Protein backbone atom coordinates (compact mmCIF):
# COMPACT_ATOMS: atom_id res chain seq x y z
CA MET A 1 -31.91 -77.19 76.79
CA ASP A 2 -28.62 -75.78 75.62
CA TYR A 3 -25.42 -77.74 75.12
CA ARG A 4 -21.86 -77.22 73.98
CA ILE A 5 -19.25 -79.75 72.87
CA ASP A 6 -15.54 -79.22 73.47
CA GLY A 7 -13.57 -82.25 72.31
CA SER A 8 -14.99 -85.17 74.28
CA PHE A 9 -16.66 -82.97 76.93
CA ILE A 10 -20.30 -81.97 76.66
CA LEU A 11 -21.92 -79.37 78.93
CA VAL A 12 -25.71 -79.45 79.04
CA VAL A 13 -27.81 -76.72 80.66
CA GLY A 14 -31.34 -77.88 81.35
CA LYS A 15 -34.07 -75.31 81.81
CA ASP A 16 -36.86 -75.08 84.36
CA GLY A 17 -39.70 -77.45 83.51
CA GLU A 18 -37.77 -79.72 81.13
CA GLY A 19 -38.01 -83.42 81.82
CA LEU A 20 -34.64 -85.10 82.42
CA GLU A 21 -35.65 -87.86 80.01
CA ASP A 22 -36.47 -85.16 77.42
CA VAL A 23 -32.98 -83.69 77.87
CA ALA A 24 -31.50 -87.17 77.31
CA ARG A 25 -33.72 -87.70 74.23
CA ALA A 26 -32.68 -84.36 72.71
CA LEU A 27 -29.00 -85.27 73.13
CA LYS A 28 -29.60 -88.69 71.62
CA GLU A 29 -31.23 -87.13 68.57
CA ALA A 30 -28.74 -84.26 68.14
CA GLY A 31 -26.70 -84.95 65.04
CA ASP A 32 -23.43 -83.51 66.35
CA THR A 33 -23.28 -85.36 69.68
CA PRO A 34 -21.09 -88.46 70.11
CA ASN A 35 -22.64 -91.92 70.04
CA ILE A 36 -22.30 -92.62 73.75
CA MET A 37 -22.03 -90.13 76.58
CA ALA A 38 -21.22 -90.97 80.19
CA ALA A 39 -22.59 -88.68 82.89
CA VAL A 40 -19.70 -87.58 85.07
CA SER A 41 -21.09 -84.70 87.11
CA ALA A 42 -24.18 -82.56 87.55
CA THR A 43 -25.50 -79.78 89.75
CA GLY A 44 -28.92 -78.25 89.95
CA MET A 45 -32.36 -79.08 91.25
CA LEU A 46 -35.07 -81.50 90.22
CA ARG A 47 -38.75 -81.91 91.14
CA ARG A 48 -41.53 -84.39 90.37
CA ILE A 49 -38.95 -87.13 90.78
CA LYS A 50 -39.56 -90.84 90.52
CA LEU A 51 -36.72 -93.12 91.59
CA GLY A 52 -36.65 -96.88 91.44
CA TYR A 53 -34.93 -99.67 93.31
CA TRP A 54 -34.61 -102.92 91.35
CA ASP A 55 -35.58 -105.83 93.63
CA GLY A 56 -34.65 -108.47 91.04
CA GLU A 57 -38.11 -108.57 89.48
CA LYS A 58 -39.45 -105.02 89.34
CA TYR A 59 -38.71 -101.45 90.37
CA LEU A 60 -39.92 -100.41 93.81
CA LYS A 61 -40.88 -96.78 93.17
CA HIS A 62 -40.34 -93.72 95.34
CA SER A 63 -41.91 -90.38 94.33
CA PHE A 64 -41.00 -86.85 95.41
CA GLU A 65 -42.96 -83.79 94.25
CA GLN A 66 -40.87 -81.18 96.08
CA PRO A 67 -37.63 -79.71 94.67
CA MET A 68 -34.50 -81.61 95.62
CA GLU A 69 -30.81 -80.80 95.15
CA LEU A 70 -28.99 -83.04 92.68
CA LEU A 71 -25.83 -84.21 94.45
CA GLY A 72 -24.61 -86.84 92.04
CA ILE A 73 -25.36 -88.65 88.82
CA SER A 74 -23.91 -91.64 87.02
CA GLY A 75 -24.97 -93.43 83.89
CA PHE A 76 -25.03 -92.92 80.14
CA ILE A 77 -26.93 -91.86 77.04
CA SER A 78 -26.45 -93.90 73.86
CA LYS A 79 -27.93 -93.48 70.41
CA ASN A 80 -28.08 -97.28 69.93
CA ALA A 81 -29.20 -98.71 73.27
CA ASP A 82 -32.81 -99.44 74.23
CA PRO A 83 -33.52 -97.93 76.64
CA PHE A 84 -31.23 -95.18 75.39
CA TYR A 85 -30.39 -93.74 78.81
CA HIS A 86 -29.68 -95.18 82.24
CA PHE A 87 -29.06 -92.85 85.18
CA HIS A 88 -28.66 -93.30 88.90
CA LEU A 89 -29.14 -90.19 91.05
CA THR A 90 -28.24 -89.00 94.54
CA LEU A 91 -30.55 -86.26 95.81
CA ALA A 92 -30.99 -84.23 99.01
CA ASP A 93 -34.24 -82.85 100.37
CA ARG A 94 -34.60 -79.59 102.33
CA GLU A 95 -33.94 -81.37 105.65
CA GLY A 96 -30.64 -82.76 104.34
CA ARG A 97 -31.88 -86.33 103.95
CA VAL A 98 -30.31 -88.16 101.03
CA TRP A 99 -32.22 -90.28 98.55
CA ARG A 100 -30.74 -92.49 95.85
CA GLY A 101 -31.98 -94.65 93.03
CA HIS A 102 -32.51 -95.38 89.37
CA LEU A 103 -34.04 -92.43 87.51
CA LEU A 104 -37.51 -93.21 86.28
CA GLU A 105 -38.68 -89.61 85.83
CA ALA A 106 -37.72 -86.06 86.88
CA GLU A 107 -38.24 -82.45 85.90
CA VAL A 108 -35.63 -79.69 86.02
CA CYS A 109 -36.33 -77.13 88.75
CA ASN A 110 -34.60 -73.78 88.08
CA THR A 111 -31.57 -75.21 86.26
CA LEU A 112 -29.48 -78.32 85.64
CA GLU A 113 -25.80 -78.26 84.69
CA LEU A 114 -24.80 -81.68 83.42
CA PHE A 115 -21.28 -82.64 82.35
CA LEU A 116 -20.90 -85.61 80.02
CA LEU A 117 -17.92 -87.39 78.55
CA GLY A 118 -18.57 -88.30 74.92
CA GLY A 119 -17.14 -91.22 73.02
CA SER A 120 -17.45 -93.37 69.96
CA LEU A 121 -18.16 -96.74 71.57
CA ARG A 122 -21.15 -98.55 70.16
CA VAL A 123 -23.22 -100.49 72.64
CA LYS A 124 -26.54 -102.24 72.59
CA ARG A 125 -28.77 -103.78 75.23
CA VAL A 126 -29.43 -107.50 75.00
CA PRO A 127 -31.93 -109.54 77.00
CA VAL A 128 -30.40 -111.62 79.79
CA GLY A 129 -33.24 -113.17 81.77
CA ARG A 130 -35.53 -110.34 82.92
CA LEU A 131 -32.83 -107.74 82.32
CA LYS A 132 -31.44 -105.88 79.34
CA LEU A 133 -27.67 -105.64 79.79
CA ILE A 134 -25.04 -103.76 77.81
CA SER A 135 -23.27 -105.70 75.11
CA LEU A 136 -20.35 -104.16 73.22
CA GLU A 137 -20.89 -104.15 69.47
């Protein structure tokens, strides 16, 4: 993974075979990255994807081994939150069908170009029932 910071913008280039969660972890641990980063745009391909749909009690899981185009991403990476990343993805398969959901797992296929907006907000996750929701510090 390579990344560059320009003011509050961060460009991340993921490499073939890297796990998307590993990319997020590397950014979390990088000393020069901002505390919280919101995903604003991404292009590339992913494979070995696991998406989840929260039914109020648990994630219903959908798995895809084949490469899929990444059409959209939203979410964040934070150095303080647990879990430290939360992404929702929109993907397209080779037939043009679109799949969406909460990222549970994925691997970069060929390349990933991820644009993030950095900031200095400090957030944490606090238990609310069965959920962990963002609380501003």
